[in-house]
Amino acid sequence: MVALALVHVFLVGNYVDLPWKKTLWIAYTIIFLGMLAYTRILYPLRLIRRSFHVKETKEEQGDVRTITLAPINHKGFRFSPGQFAWLTAWKTPFSDTEHPISIASRAERKTEIEMSIKDLGPFSKKIRTLKPGDRVYVDGPYGALIWIASRMLND
């Protein structure tokens, strides 16, 4: 599609009637292809190399299941309270089927991650089928906890 769009731009000619415009369109194309290669090839390969395995699953109150994940051949990652990570289970990171899950473990605990997931939909229902030893992929941490209530009180 990118090649066809670039051919169209060059055939129409209005967009590339000056040398700097040609250079700009070629640069846009190279940047776009680079971003595409990074997000669809390089970053999923990184997640595969930094995968996790399910160490334990535990039933909690209120249709919640907590899964404990341990890194495979790496140190895991640091996170702050209130952050989340994208979880991919039963597929590879190339499948683009990750789900955002809050990190429920203490931030001081770097060797394991706990995620508590309430049974609300198809993915969260399927979480119950995870077993110790299953491989999952975790992309994170993301987000920042904002103390809205304390800000409102201080204003």
N, C-alpha and C. Protein backbone atom coordinates (compact mmCIF):
# COMPACT_ATOMS: atom_id res chain seq x y z
N MET A 1 0.82 -1.19 0.00
CA MET A 1 0.00 0.00 0.00
C MET A 1 0.87 1.25 0.00
N VAL A 2 1.93 1.22 0.79
CA VAL A 2 2.82 2.38 0.84
C VAL A 2 3.47 2.61 -0.51
N ALA A 3 3.90 1.54 -1.16
CA ALA A 3 4.53 1.67 -2.48
C ALA A 3 3.53 2.23 -3.49
N LEU A 4 2.29 1.75 -3.46
CA LEU A 4 1.27 2.26 -4.38
C LEU A 4 0.97 3.74 -4.11
N ALA A 5 0.91 4.12 -2.87
CA ALA A 5 0.67 5.53 -2.54
C ALA A 5 1.82 6.40 -3.04
N LEU A 6 3.04 5.92 -2.86
CA LEU A 6 4.20 6.69 -3.33
C LEU A 6 4.22 6.79 -4.85
N VAL A 7 3.87 5.72 -5.54
CA VAL A 7 3.79 5.75 -7.01
C VAL A 7 2.73 6.77 -7.44
N HIS A 8 1.59 6.76 -6.76
CA HIS A 8 0.53 7.73 -7.07
C HIS A 8 1.03 9.17 -6.89
N VAL A 9 1.71 9.43 -5.77
CA VAL A 9 2.23 10.77 -5.51
C VAL A 9 3.16 11.21 -6.63
N PHE A 10 4.03 10.32 -7.06
CA PHE A 10 5.00 10.68 -8.10
C PHE A 10 4.34 10.79 -9.49
N LEU A 11 3.32 9.99 -9.75
CA LEU A 11 2.65 10.06 -11.06
C LEU A 11 1.78 11.31 -11.19
N VAL A 12 1.12 11.70 -10.11
CA VAL A 12 0.29 12.90 -10.16
C VAL A 12 1.18 14.12 -10.41
N GLY A 13 2.30 14.17 -9.72
CA GLY A 13 3.29 15.21 -9.99
C GLY A 13 3.10 16.50 -9.23
N ASN A 14 1.87 16.84 -8.83
CA ASN A 14 1.64 18.10 -8.11
C ASN A 14 2.35 18.12 -6.75
N TYR A 15 2.46 16.95 -6.14
CA TYR A 15 3.04 16.87 -4.80
C TYR A 15 4.57 16.85 -4.83
N VAL A 16 5.15 16.59 -5.98
CA VAL A 16 6.60 16.45 -6.07
C VAL A 16 7.19 17.29 -7.21
N ASP A 17 6.61 18.46 -7.45
CA ASP A 17 7.08 19.29 -8.56
C ASP A 17 8.39 20.02 -8.24
N LEU A 18 8.77 20.03 -6.98
CA LEU A 18 10.05 20.63 -6.57
C LEU A 18 10.92 19.57 -5.91
N PRO A 19 12.25 19.69 -6.02
CA PRO A 19 13.14 18.68 -5.44
C PRO A 19 12.95 18.49 -3.93
N TRP A 20 12.70 19.56 -3.19
CA TRP A 20 12.53 19.41 -1.74
C TRP A 20 11.26 18.63 -1.41
N LYS A 21 10.23 18.74 -2.28
CA LYS A 21 9.01 17.97 -2.05
C LYS A 21 9.26 16.48 -2.29
N LYS A 22 10.04 16.15 -3.32
CA LYS A 22 10.39 14.74 -3.56
C LYS A 22 11.13 14.17 -2.36
N THR A 23 12.09 14.95 -1.89
CA THR A 23 12.88 14.52 -0.73
C THR A 23 11.98 14.32 0.49
N LEU A 24 11.05 15.23 0.70
CA LEU A 24 10.14 15.14 1.83
C LEU A 24 9.26 13.89 1.75
N TRP A 25 8.70 13.60 0.58
CA TRP A 25 7.85 12.42 0.42
C TRP A 25 8.65 11.12 0.60
N ILE A 26 9.85 11.10 0.11
CA ILE A 26 10.69 9.91 0.30
C ILE A 26 11.05 9.76 1.78
N ALA A 27 11.35 10.86 2.45
CA ALA A 27 11.65 10.81 3.90
C ALA A 27 10.43 10.32 4.68
N TYR A 28 9.23 10.85 4.35
CA TYR A 28 8.00 10.38 5.00
C TYR A 28 7.84 8.87 4.83
N THR A 29 8.10 8.39 3.65
CA THR A 29 7.94 6.96 3.37
C THR A 29 8.93 6.13 4.17
N ILE A 30 10.18 6.57 4.21
CA ILE A 30 11.20 5.84 4.97
C ILE A 30 10.86 5.83 6.46
N ILE A 31 10.43 6.97 6.99
CA ILE A 31 10.06 7.04 8.41
C ILE A 31 8.87 6.11 8.69
N PHE A 32 7.86 6.15 7.83
CA PHE A 32 6.69 5.30 8.02
C PHE A 32 7.06 3.82 7.99
N LEU A 33 7.85 3.42 7.00
CA LEU A 33 8.27 2.02 6.91
C LEU A 33 9.12 1.61 8.10
N GLY A 34 9.96 2.52 8.57
CA GLY A 34 10.76 2.24 9.76
C GLY A 34 9.89 2.03 10.99
N MET A 35 8.90 2.90 11.17
CA MET A 35 7.99 2.74 12.32
C MET A 35 7.20 1.45 12.20
N LEU A 36 6.77 1.12 11.01
CA LEU A 36 6.03 -0.12 10.78
C LEU A 36 6.89 -1.34 11.11
N ALA A 37 8.12 -1.33 10.65
CA ALA A 37 9.04 -2.45 10.94
C ALA A 37 9.31 -2.56 12.43
N TYR A 38 9.46 -1.43 13.11
CA TYR A 38 9.72 -1.46 14.55
C TYR A 38 8.53 -2.03 15.32
N THR A 39 7.32 -1.50 15.04
CA THR A 39 6.16 -1.92 15.83
C THR A 39 5.67 -3.32 15.49
N ARG A 40 5.86 -3.78 14.26
CA ARG A 40 5.33 -5.09 13.86
C ARG A 40 6.36 -6.21 13.83
N ILE A 41 7.66 -5.85 13.87
CA ILE A 41 8.70 -6.90 13.81
C ILE A 41 9.66 -6.80 14.99
N LEU A 42 10.34 -5.67 15.11
CA LEU A 42 11.40 -5.55 16.12
C LEU A 42 10.86 -5.57 17.55
N TYR A 43 9.81 -4.80 17.84
CA TYR A 43 9.29 -4.76 19.20
C TYR A 43 8.68 -6.11 19.62
N PRO A 44 7.89 -6.79 18.79
CA PRO A 44 7.42 -8.12 19.17
C PRO A 44 8.57 -9.11 19.43
N LEU A 45 9.64 -9.02 18.64
CA LEU A 45 10.80 -9.89 18.90
C LEU A 45 11.40 -9.60 20.27
N ARG A 46 11.44 -8.33 20.66
CA ARG A 46 11.94 -7.96 21.98
C ARG A 46 11.05 -8.55 23.07
N LEU A 47 9.74 -8.50 22.87
CA LEU A 47 8.83 -9.08 23.87
C LEU A 47 9.00 -10.59 23.97
N ILE A 48 9.27 -11.25 22.86
CA ILE A 48 9.50 -12.69 22.90
C ILE A 48 10.74 -13.01 23.72
N ARG A 49 11.79 -12.22 23.54
CA ARG A 49 13.03 -12.44 24.30
C ARG A 49 12.85 -12.12 25.78
N ARG A 50 11.86 -11.29 26.12
CA ARG A 50 11.62 -10.89 27.51
C ARG A 50 10.27 -11.42 27.99
N SER A 51 10.02 -12.67 27.74
CA SER A 51 8.72 -13.26 28.10
C SER A 51 8.68 -13.60 29.59
N PHE A 52 7.50 -13.96 30.05
CA PHE A 52 7.24 -14.35 31.44
C PHE A 52 6.55 -15.71 31.44
N HIS A 53 6.61 -16.38 32.58
CA HIS A 53 5.81 -17.59 32.73
C HIS A 53 4.90 -17.44 33.93
N VAL A 54 3.76 -18.12 33.87
CA VAL A 54 2.82 -18.09 34.98
C VAL A 54 3.40 -18.92 36.10
N LYS A 55 3.61 -18.28 37.24
CA LYS A 55 4.15 -18.98 38.40
C LYS A 55 3.02 -19.56 39.25
N GLU A 56 1.93 -18.79 39.35
CA GLU A 56 0.83 -19.21 40.21
C GLU A 56 -0.44 -18.48 39.79
N THR A 57 -1.58 -19.14 39.93
CA THR A 57 -2.87 -18.48 39.78
C THR A 57 -3.64 -18.70 41.07
N LYS A 58 -4.36 -17.67 41.46
CA LYS A 58 -5.05 -17.74 42.76
C LYS A 58 -6.43 -17.11 42.62
N GLU A 59 -7.43 -17.82 43.11
CA GLU A 59 -8.80 -17.32 43.11
C GLU A 59 -8.96 -16.32 44.25
N GLU A 60 -9.54 -15.15 43.95
CA GLU A 60 -9.79 -14.12 44.95
C GLU A 60 -11.30 -13.94 45.09
N GLN A 61 -11.73 -13.07 45.97
CA GLN A 61 -13.15 -12.78 46.14
C GLN A 61 -13.68 -11.97 44.98
N GLY A 62 -14.96 -12.08 44.71
CA GLY A 62 -15.62 -11.25 43.71
C GLY A 62 -15.27 -11.58 42.28
N ASP A 63 -15.13 -12.85 41.94
CA ASP A 63 -14.80 -13.28 40.57
C ASP A 63 -13.49 -12.68 40.07
N VAL A 64 -12.51 -12.59 40.94
CA VAL A 64 -11.20 -12.05 40.58
C VAL A 64 -10.18 -13.18 40.67
N ARG A 65 -9.30 -13.22 39.70
CA ARG A 65 -8.21 -14.19 39.69
C ARG A 65 -6.91 -13.40 39.64
N THR A 66 -5.98 -13.74 40.52
CA THR A 66 -4.65 -13.12 40.53
C THR A 66 -3.67 -14.09 39.92
N ILE A 67 -2.92 -13.61 38.92
CA ILE A 67 -1.87 -14.42 38.33
C ILE A 67 -0.52 -13.82 38.71
N THR A 68 0.38 -14.68 39.09
CA THR A 68 1.74 -14.27 39.43
C THR A 68 2.64 -14.67 38.28
N LEU A 69 3.38 -13.70 37.75
CA LEU A 69 4.24 -13.93 36.59
C LEU A 69 5.69 -13.74 36.99
N ALA A 70 6.54 -14.62 36.50
CA ALA A 70 7.98 -14.53 36.75
C ALA A 70 8.70 -14.39 35.41
N PRO A 71 9.72 -13.54 35.35
CA PRO A 71 10.45 -13.36 34.09
C PRO A 71 11.24 -14.61 33.72
N ILE A 72 11.37 -14.83 32.42
CA ILE A 72 12.16 -15.94 31.89
C ILE A 72 13.46 -15.37 31.35
N ASN A 73 14.58 -15.70 32.01
CA ASN A 73 15.92 -15.31 31.58
C ASN A 73 16.14 -13.80 31.49
N HIS A 74 15.46 -13.04 32.33
CA HIS A 74 15.72 -11.60 32.45
C HIS A 74 15.27 -11.15 33.84
N LYS A 75 15.52 -9.91 34.19
CA LYS A 75 15.25 -9.43 35.54
C LYS A 75 13.85 -8.85 35.74
N GLY A 76 13.03 -8.86 34.70
CA GLY A 76 11.71 -8.24 34.82
C GLY A 76 11.81 -6.76 34.53
N PHE A 77 10.91 -5.98 35.11
CA PHE A 77 10.98 -4.53 34.92
C PHE A 77 10.50 -3.82 36.18
N ARG A 78 10.93 -2.58 36.32
CA ARG A 78 10.53 -1.75 37.45
C ARG A 78 9.23 -1.05 37.09
N PHE A 79 8.40 -0.84 38.08
CA PHE A 79 7.15 -0.13 37.86
C PHE A 79 6.79 0.65 39.11
N SER A 80 5.88 1.58 38.96
CA SER A 80 5.40 2.39 40.08
C SER A 80 3.96 2.00 40.39
N PRO A 81 3.50 2.27 41.61
CA PRO A 81 2.10 1.97 41.93
C PRO A 81 1.15 2.67 40.96
N GLY A 82 0.11 1.97 40.57
CA GLY A 82 -0.90 2.53 39.68
C GLY A 82 -0.64 2.30 38.21
N GLN A 83 0.48 1.68 37.86
CA GLN A 83 0.77 1.46 36.45
C GLN A 83 0.11 0.17 35.95
N PHE A 84 0.06 0.03 34.64
CA PHE A 84 -0.52 -1.16 34.02
C PHE A 84 0.45 -1.69 32.97
N ALA A 85 0.14 -2.87 32.47
CA ALA A 85 0.93 -3.48 31.39
C ALA A 85 -0.02 -4.16 30.43
N TRP A 86 0.43 -4.32 29.20
CA TRP A 86 -0.34 -5.04 28.18
C TRP A 86 0.03 -6.52 28.27
N LEU A 87 -0.95 -7.37 28.42
CA LEU A 87 -0.74 -8.80 28.59
C LEU A 87 -1.21 -9.54 27.34
N THR A 88 -0.33 -10.40 26.81
CA THR A 88 -0.68 -11.28 25.70
C THR A 88 -0.51 -12.71 26.19
N ALA A 89 -1.57 -13.49 26.09
CA ALA A 89 -1.53 -14.89 26.50
C ALA A 89 -2.09 -15.75 25.38
N TRP A 90 -1.58 -16.96 25.27
CA TRP A 90 -2.00 -17.97 24.29
C TRP A 90 -1.60 -17.64 22.86
N LYS A 91 -0.99 -16.53 22.61
CA LYS A 91 -0.56 -16.13 21.27
C LYS A 91 0.81 -15.48 21.38
N THR A 92 1.39 -15.13 20.25
CA THR A 92 2.67 -14.42 20.26
C THR A 92 2.41 -12.91 20.20
N PRO A 93 3.42 -12.10 20.52
CA PRO A 93 3.26 -10.65 20.41
C PRO A 93 2.99 -10.18 18.98
N PHE A 94 3.25 -11.02 17.99
CA PHE A 94 2.96 -10.64 16.60
C PHE A 94 1.46 -10.62 16.31
N SER A 95 0.65 -11.24 17.17
CA SER A 95 -0.78 -11.36 16.91
C SER A 95 -1.55 -10.08 17.20
N ASP A 96 -0.97 -9.15 17.93
CA ASP A 96 -1.61 -7.88 18.24
C ASP A 96 -2.94 -8.07 18.97
N THR A 97 -2.92 -8.92 20.01
CA THR A 97 -4.12 -9.17 20.81
C THR A 97 -3.82 -9.01 22.28
N GLU A 98 -3.19 -7.90 22.64
CA GLU A 98 -2.87 -7.68 24.04
C GLU A 98 -4.03 -7.01 24.76
N HIS A 99 -4.03 -7.15 26.09
CA HIS A 99 -5.08 -6.59 26.93
C HIS A 99 -4.45 -5.80 28.06
N PRO A 100 -4.96 -4.59 28.36
CA PRO A 100 -4.38 -3.79 29.44
C PRO A 100 -4.84 -4.32 30.80
N ILE A 101 -3.87 -4.59 31.66
CA ILE A 101 -4.16 -5.13 32.99
C ILE A 101 -3.36 -4.33 34.02
N SER A 102 -4.00 -3.92 35.11
CA SER A 102 -3.29 -3.20 36.17
C SER A 102 -2.35 -4.14 36.90
N ILE A 103 -1.21 -3.59 37.28
CA ILE A 103 -0.25 -4.37 38.06
C ILE A 103 -0.66 -4.27 39.51
N ALA A 104 -0.87 -5.41 40.16
CA ALA A 104 -1.40 -5.44 41.52
C ALA A 104 -0.33 -5.71 42.57
N SER A 105 0.88 -6.06 42.16
CA SER A 105 1.92 -6.37 43.15
C SER A 105 2.62 -5.11 43.65
N ARG A 106 3.37 -5.27 44.73
CA ARG A 106 4.14 -4.16 45.29
C ARG A 106 5.27 -3.79 44.32
N ALA A 107 5.54 -2.51 44.22
CA ALA A 107 6.58 -2.03 43.30
C ALA A 107 7.98 -2.47 43.73
N GLU A 108 8.16 -2.77 45.01
CA GLU A 108 9.48 -3.20 45.49
C GLU A 108 9.81 -4.61 45.02
N ARG A 109 8.81 -5.37 44.66
CA ARG A 109 8.97 -6.77 44.27
C ARG A 109 9.29 -6.83 42.78
N LYS A 110 10.55 -6.90 42.44
CA LYS A 110 10.96 -6.79 41.04
C LYS A 110 11.04 -8.14 40.32
N THR A 111 11.12 -9.23 41.06
CA THR A 111 11.31 -10.53 40.41
C THR A 111 10.00 -11.18 39.96
N GLU A 112 8.88 -10.65 40.42
CA GLU A 112 7.58 -11.19 40.04
C GLU A 112 6.59 -10.06 39.85
N ILE A 113 5.59 -10.31 39.05
CA ILE A 113 4.50 -9.35 38.83
C ILE A 113 3.20 -10.06 39.14
N GLU A 114 2.33 -9.41 39.86
CA GLU A 114 0.99 -9.94 40.08
C GLU A 114 -0.01 -9.06 39.34
N MET A 115 -0.96 -9.71 38.69
CA MET A 115 -2.05 -9.00 38.02
C MET A 115 -3.35 -9.63 38.48
N SER A 116 -4.25 -8.78 38.99
CA SER A 116 -5.56 -9.26 39.42
C SER A 116 -6.58 -8.87 38.37
N ILE A 117 -7.32 -9.87 37.89
CA ILE A 117 -8.21 -9.68 36.76
C ILE A 117 -9.62 -10.12 37.14
N LYS A 118 -10.57 -9.19 37.07
CA LYS A 118 -11.97 -9.51 37.37
C LYS A 118 -12.60 -10.16 36.15
N ASP A 119 -13.43 -11.14 36.40
CA ASP A 119 -14.11 -11.91 35.35
C ASP A 119 -15.23 -11.05 34.75
N LEU A 120 -14.93 -10.34 33.64
CA LEU A 120 -15.91 -9.43 33.03
C LEU A 120 -16.19 -9.72 31.57
N GLY A 121 -15.34 -10.43 30.88
CA GLY A 121 -15.54 -10.66 29.45
C GLY A 121 -14.84 -11.91 28.99
N PRO A 122 -14.79 -12.12 27.69
CA PRO A 122 -14.20 -13.35 27.15
C PRO A 122 -12.73 -13.55 27.55
N PHE A 123 -11.92 -12.50 27.47
CA PHE A 123 -10.51 -12.65 27.84
C PHE A 123 -10.35 -12.94 29.33
N SER A 124 -11.05 -12.18 30.16
CA SER A 124 -10.91 -12.38 31.61
C SER A 124 -11.48 -13.73 32.04
N LYS A 125 -12.47 -14.25 31.34
CA LYS A 125 -12.98 -15.60 31.65
C LYS A 125 -11.93 -16.65 31.26
N LYS A 126 -11.24 -16.41 30.15
CA LYS A 126 -10.25 -17.37 29.68
C LYS A 126 -9.00 -17.38 30.57
N ILE A 127 -8.76 -16.29 31.29
CA ILE A 127 -7.62 -16.21 32.21
C ILE A 127 -7.64 -17.38 33.18
N ARG A 128 -8.82 -17.85 33.52
CA ARG A 128 -8.95 -18.97 34.45
C ARG A 128 -8.28 -20.25 33.94
N THR A 129 -8.05 -20.33 32.63
CA THR A 129 -7.44 -21.54 32.06
C THR A 129 -5.92 -21.49 32.09
N LEU A 130 -5.33 -20.34 32.47
CA LEU A 130 -3.87 -20.27 32.57
C LEU A 130 -3.39 -21.22 33.67
N LYS A 131 -2.29 -21.89 33.39
CA LYS A 131 -1.72 -22.83 34.35
C LYS A 131 -0.28 -22.44 34.63
N PRO A 132 0.24 -22.81 35.81
CA PRO A 132 1.66 -22.56 36.07
C PRO A 132 2.53 -23.16 34.96
N GLY A 133 3.47 -22.36 34.49
CA GLY A 133 4.36 -22.77 33.41
C GLY A 133 3.97 -22.21 32.06
N ASP A 134 2.73 -21.76 31.90
CA ASP A 134 2.30 -21.16 30.62
C ASP A 134 3.10 -19.89 30.35
N ARG A 135 3.45 -19.69 29.10
CA ARG A 135 4.22 -18.50 28.70
C ARG A 135 3.28 -17.37 28.33
N VAL A 136 3.58 -16.18 28.82
CA VAL A 136 2.83 -14.97 28.48
C VAL A 136 3.83 -13.86 28.15
N TYR A 137 3.32 -12.81 27.54
CA TYR A 137 4.15 -11.68 27.15
C TYR A 137 3.59 -10.42 27.80
N VAL A 138 4.46 -9.66 28.42
CA VAL A 138 4.05 -8.47 29.16
C VAL A 138 4.77 -7.26 28.57
N ASP A 139 4.02 -6.29 28.14
CA ASP A 139 4.56 -5.05 27.59
C ASP A 139 4.23 -3.92 28.55
N GLY A 140 5.22 -3.41 29.21
CA GLY A 140 4.94 -2.35 30.16
C GLY A 140 6.18 -1.97 30.92
N PRO A 141 6.04 -1.19 31.92
CA PRO A 141 4.81 -0.60 32.46
C PRO A 141 4.43 0.68 31.74
N TYR A 142 3.16 1.01 31.83
CA TYR A 142 2.63 2.23 31.24
C TYR A 142 1.75 2.94 32.27
N GLY A 143 1.50 4.21 32.01
CA GLY A 143 0.59 4.98 32.85
C GLY A 143 1.27 5.58 34.06
N ALA A 144 0.56 6.51 34.67
CA ALA A 144 1.02 7.16 35.89
C ALA A 144 -0.18 7.40 36.78
N LEU A 145 -0.05 7.04 38.04
CA LEU A 145 -1.13 7.24 38.99
C LEU A 145 -1.24 8.72 39.31
N ILE A 146 -2.43 9.26 39.18
CA ILE A 146 -2.67 10.67 39.47
C ILE A 146 -3.62 10.74 40.65
N TRP A 147 -3.22 11.44 41.65
CA TRP A 147 -4.04 11.57 42.85
C TRP A 147 -5.00 12.74 42.65
N ILE A 148 -6.11 12.49 41.98
CA ILE A 148 -7.08 13.54 41.67
C ILE A 148 -7.71 14.07 42.95
N ALA A 149 -8.08 13.20 43.86
CA ALA A 149 -8.75 13.64 45.09
C ALA A 149 -7.85 14.59 45.89
N SER A 150 -6.57 14.26 46.01
CA SER A 150 -5.68 15.13 46.78
C SER A 150 -5.47 16.47 46.08
N ARG A 151 -5.46 16.46 44.77
CA ARG A 151 -5.34 17.71 44.01
C ARG A 151 -6.58 18.58 44.23
N MET A 152 -7.76 17.94 44.23
CA MET A 152 -8.99 18.70 44.41
C MET A 152 -9.03 19.32 45.82
N LEU A 153 -8.54 18.59 46.81
CA LEU A 153 -8.55 19.10 48.17
C LEU A 153 -7.57 20.26 48.35
N ASN A 154 -6.46 20.21 47.59
CA ASN A 154 -5.45 21.25 47.71
C ASN A 154 -5.80 22.52 46.95
N ASP A 155 -6.75 22.43 46.03
CA ASP A 155 -7.11 23.61 45.23
C ASP A 155 -8.06 24.52 45.95
